[in-house]
Amino acid sequence: MIVKSVAGHDKNKFYLVVNLKEKRAYIADGKKRLLGAPKAKNLIHLKVTKNVVDVVKYDTDKKVRHLLHDYNYN
């Protein structure tokens, strides 16, 4: 799913959730936070969007960047 950060230095940026464990979401944007090294973020610092995507389809950082481009730059 696509989420928006509501706290931290990355506030108001959109990310793709690649994994969930306990109270942490592992998020990637394909640029600074790559799929191979996603950022762990507390769930209370994220706002869920209505858009749910198949993570398997976005298997490269380039595909993730293209997916999130419209969210982050419009």
N, C-alpha and C. Protein backbone atom coordinates (compact mmCIF):
# COMPACT_ATOMS: atom_id res chain seq x y z
N MET A 1 0.84 -1.19 0.00
CA MET A 1 0.00 0.00 0.00
C MET A 1 0.88 1.25 0.00
N ILE A 2 0.30 2.33 -0.35
CA ILE A 2 1.01 3.61 -0.37
C ILE A 2 0.61 4.37 0.88
N VAL A 3 1.62 4.92 1.56
CA VAL A 3 1.38 5.66 2.80
C VAL A 3 2.06 7.02 2.73
N LYS A 4 1.58 7.93 3.58
CA LYS A 4 2.15 9.27 3.68
C LYS A 4 2.75 9.42 5.07
N SER A 5 3.97 9.91 5.13
CA SER A 5 4.62 10.15 6.40
C SER A 5 4.04 11.42 7.02
N VAL A 6 3.66 11.36 8.28
CA VAL A 6 3.07 12.52 8.96
C VAL A 6 3.96 13.05 10.07
N ALA A 7 5.14 12.45 10.25
CA ALA A 7 6.07 12.90 11.29
C ALA A 7 7.50 12.56 10.87
N GLY A 8 8.42 13.35 11.38
CA GLY A 8 9.83 13.10 11.10
C GLY A 8 10.36 14.01 10.01
N HIS A 9 11.62 13.79 9.65
CA HIS A 9 12.25 14.63 8.63
C HIS A 9 11.68 14.38 7.24
N ASP A 10 10.99 13.27 7.06
CA ASP A 10 10.39 12.94 5.78
C ASP A 10 8.88 13.22 5.75
N LYS A 11 8.44 14.14 6.60
CA LYS A 11 7.03 14.50 6.70
C LYS A 11 6.48 14.93 5.34
N ASN A 12 5.26 14.51 5.03
CA ASN A 12 4.52 14.82 3.80
C ASN A 12 5.08 14.14 2.56
N LYS A 13 5.89 13.12 2.70
CA LYS A 13 6.38 12.35 1.56
C LYS A 13 5.65 11.01 1.52
N PHE A 14 5.50 10.47 0.32
CA PHE A 14 4.80 9.21 0.13
C PHE A 14 5.79 8.07 -0.04
N TYR A 15 5.40 6.91 0.46
CA TYR A 15 6.25 5.73 0.42
C TYR A 15 5.41 4.49 0.11
N LEU A 16 6.09 3.46 -0.32
CA LEU A 16 5.48 2.16 -0.54
C LEU A 16 5.85 1.26 0.64
N VAL A 17 4.86 0.65 1.26
CA VAL A 17 5.12 -0.28 2.36
C VAL A 17 5.53 -1.61 1.74
N VAL A 18 6.72 -2.08 2.10
CA VAL A 18 7.21 -3.35 1.56
C VAL A 18 7.10 -4.48 2.56
N ASN A 19 6.93 -4.16 3.85
CA ASN A 19 6.81 -5.19 4.87
C ASN A 19 6.22 -4.58 6.15
N LEU A 20 5.56 -5.41 6.93
CA LEU A 20 5.02 -5.00 8.23
C LEU A 20 5.47 -6.01 9.28
N LYS A 21 6.01 -5.51 10.38
CA LYS A 21 6.39 -6.36 11.51
C LYS A 21 6.05 -5.62 12.79
N GLU A 22 5.24 -6.28 13.62
CA GLU A 22 4.80 -5.72 14.89
C GLU A 22 4.24 -4.31 14.70
N LYS A 23 4.85 -3.29 15.32
CA LYS A 23 4.35 -1.92 15.19
C LYS A 23 5.20 -1.09 14.24
N ARG A 24 5.89 -1.74 13.31
CA ARG A 24 6.77 -1.06 12.37
C ARG A 24 6.37 -1.39 10.94
N ALA A 25 6.43 -0.38 10.09
CA ALA A 25 6.25 -0.56 8.66
C ALA A 25 7.61 -0.31 8.01
N TYR A 26 7.97 -1.14 7.08
CA TYR A 26 9.22 -0.96 6.34
C TYR A 26 8.85 -0.33 5.00
N ILE A 27 9.35 0.90 4.81
CA ILE A 27 8.93 1.70 3.67
C ILE A 27 10.10 2.00 2.75
N ALA A 28 9.77 2.17 1.46
CA ALA A 28 10.79 2.49 0.47
C ALA A 28 10.21 3.51 -0.51
N ASP A 29 11.10 4.35 -1.05
CA ASP A 29 10.67 5.30 -2.08
C ASP A 29 11.43 5.10 -3.39
N GLY A 30 12.39 4.20 -3.42
CA GLY A 30 13.14 3.92 -4.63
C GLY A 30 14.27 4.87 -4.91
N LYS A 31 14.42 5.89 -4.10
CA LYS A 31 15.48 6.88 -4.31
C LYS A 31 16.42 6.91 -3.11
N LYS A 32 15.95 7.48 -2.02
CA LYS A 32 16.77 7.52 -0.81
C LYS A 32 16.64 6.23 -0.02
N ARG A 33 15.43 5.73 0.06
CA ARG A 33 15.15 4.48 0.75
C ARG A 33 14.88 3.40 -0.29
N LEU A 34 15.85 2.54 -0.50
CA LEU A 34 15.77 1.53 -1.54
C LEU A 34 15.05 0.28 -1.05
N LEU A 35 14.59 -0.52 -2.00
CA LEU A 35 13.89 -1.75 -1.64
C LEU A 35 14.78 -2.71 -0.86
N GLY A 36 16.07 -2.70 -1.14
CA GLY A 36 17.00 -3.57 -0.45
C GLY A 36 17.30 -3.14 0.97
N ALA A 37 17.02 -1.88 1.29
CA ALA A 37 17.28 -1.34 2.63
C ALA A 37 16.15 -0.39 3.02
N PRO A 38 14.94 -0.92 3.23
CA PRO A 38 13.82 -0.03 3.56
C PRO A 38 13.96 0.55 4.96
N LYS A 39 13.29 1.67 5.16
CA LYS A 39 13.32 2.35 6.45
C LYS A 39 12.21 1.78 7.35
N ALA A 40 12.55 1.53 8.59
CA ALA A 40 11.56 1.10 9.58
C ALA A 40 10.92 2.35 10.17
N LYS A 41 9.60 2.41 10.15
CA LYS A 41 8.90 3.58 10.66
C LYS A 41 7.73 3.11 11.51
N ASN A 42 7.50 3.81 12.61
CA ASN A 42 6.41 3.51 13.50
C ASN A 42 5.08 3.74 12.78
N LEU A 43 4.13 2.85 12.97
CA LEU A 43 2.84 2.94 12.28
C LEU A 43 2.07 4.21 12.62
N ILE A 44 2.26 4.75 13.83
CA ILE A 44 1.51 5.95 14.19
C ILE A 44 2.03 7.18 13.45
N HIS A 45 3.17 7.07 12.80
CA HIS A 45 3.73 8.18 12.04
C HIS A 45 3.39 8.10 10.56
N LEU A 46 2.49 7.20 10.20
CA LEU A 46 2.10 7.02 8.80
C LEU A 46 0.60 7.16 8.65
N LYS A 47 0.20 7.73 7.52
CA LYS A 47 -1.22 7.85 7.19
C LYS A 47 -1.46 6.99 5.95
N VAL A 48 -2.41 6.10 6.04
CA VAL A 48 -2.70 5.19 4.94
C VAL A 48 -3.52 5.91 3.87
N THR A 49 -3.16 5.69 2.61
CA THR A 49 -3.95 6.23 1.50
C THR A 49 -4.92 5.16 1.03
N LYS A 50 -5.80 5.52 0.14
CA LYS A 50 -6.78 4.57 -0.38
C LYS A 50 -6.17 3.65 -1.44
N ASN A 51 -4.98 3.96 -1.89
CA ASN A 51 -4.37 3.20 -2.98
C ASN A 51 -3.58 2.01 -2.46
N VAL A 52 -4.01 0.84 -2.89
CA VAL A 52 -3.33 -0.40 -2.55
C VAL A 52 -2.77 -0.97 -3.84
N VAL A 53 -1.48 -1.29 -3.82
CA VAL A 53 -0.82 -1.83 -5.02
C VAL A 53 -0.19 -3.17 -4.67
N ASP A 54 0.06 -3.94 -5.70
CA ASP A 54 0.72 -5.23 -5.52
C ASP A 54 2.23 -5.00 -5.44
N VAL A 55 2.81 -5.26 -4.28
CA VAL A 55 4.23 -5.00 -4.05
C VAL A 55 5.09 -5.85 -4.99
N VAL A 56 4.62 -7.03 -5.35
CA VAL A 56 5.39 -7.92 -6.24
C VAL A 56 5.58 -7.27 -7.61
N LYS A 57 4.61 -6.50 -8.04
CA LYS A 57 4.69 -5.83 -9.35
C LYS A 57 5.78 -4.75 -9.35
N TYR A 58 6.02 -4.14 -8.22
CA TYR A 58 7.02 -3.07 -8.10
C TYR A 58 8.27 -3.65 -7.44
N ASP A 59 9.01 -4.42 -8.23
CA ASP A 59 10.15 -5.17 -7.71
C ASP A 59 11.49 -4.47 -7.91
N THR A 60 11.50 -3.31 -8.55
CA THR A 60 12.75 -2.55 -8.72
C THR A 60 12.55 -1.14 -8.17
N ASP A 61 13.68 -0.51 -7.83
CA ASP A 61 13.61 0.85 -7.30
C ASP A 61 13.07 1.82 -8.34
N LYS A 62 13.40 1.60 -9.59
CA LYS A 62 12.92 2.48 -10.66
C LYS A 62 11.39 2.44 -10.77
N LYS A 63 10.81 1.26 -10.68
CA LYS A 63 9.35 1.13 -10.74
C LYS A 63 8.69 1.82 -9.54
N VAL A 64 9.31 1.73 -8.37
CA VAL A 64 8.77 2.38 -7.18
C VAL A 64 8.83 3.89 -7.34
N ARG A 65 9.95 4.41 -7.86
CA ARG A 65 10.08 5.86 -8.10
C ARG A 65 9.00 6.35 -9.04
N HIS A 66 8.75 5.63 -10.12
CA HIS A 66 7.71 6.04 -11.08
C HIS A 66 6.32 5.99 -10.46
N LEU A 67 6.08 4.99 -9.62
CA LEU A 67 4.78 4.88 -8.95
C LEU A 67 4.53 6.08 -8.04
N LEU A 68 5.54 6.48 -7.28
CA LEU A 68 5.38 7.53 -6.28
C LEU A 68 5.60 8.94 -6.81
N HIS A 69 6.05 9.08 -8.04
CA HIS A 69 6.36 10.41 -8.59
C HIS A 69 5.18 11.35 -8.54
N ASP A 70 4.03 10.91 -9.00
CA ASP A 70 2.84 11.78 -9.01
C ASP A 70 2.40 12.17 -7.61
N TYR A 71 2.57 11.28 -6.66
CA TYR A 71 2.19 11.59 -5.27
C TYR A 71 3.10 12.65 -4.67
N ASN A 72 4.41 12.51 -4.88
CA ASN A 72 5.37 13.39 -4.23
C ASN A 72 5.56 14.73 -4.93
N TYR A 73 5.22 14.81 -6.21
CA TYR A 73 5.52 16.05 -6.96
C TYR A 73 4.29 16.72 -7.52
N ASN A 74 3.11 16.41 -7.03
CA ASN A 74 1.89 17.11 -7.47
C ASN A 74 1.14 17.67 -6.30
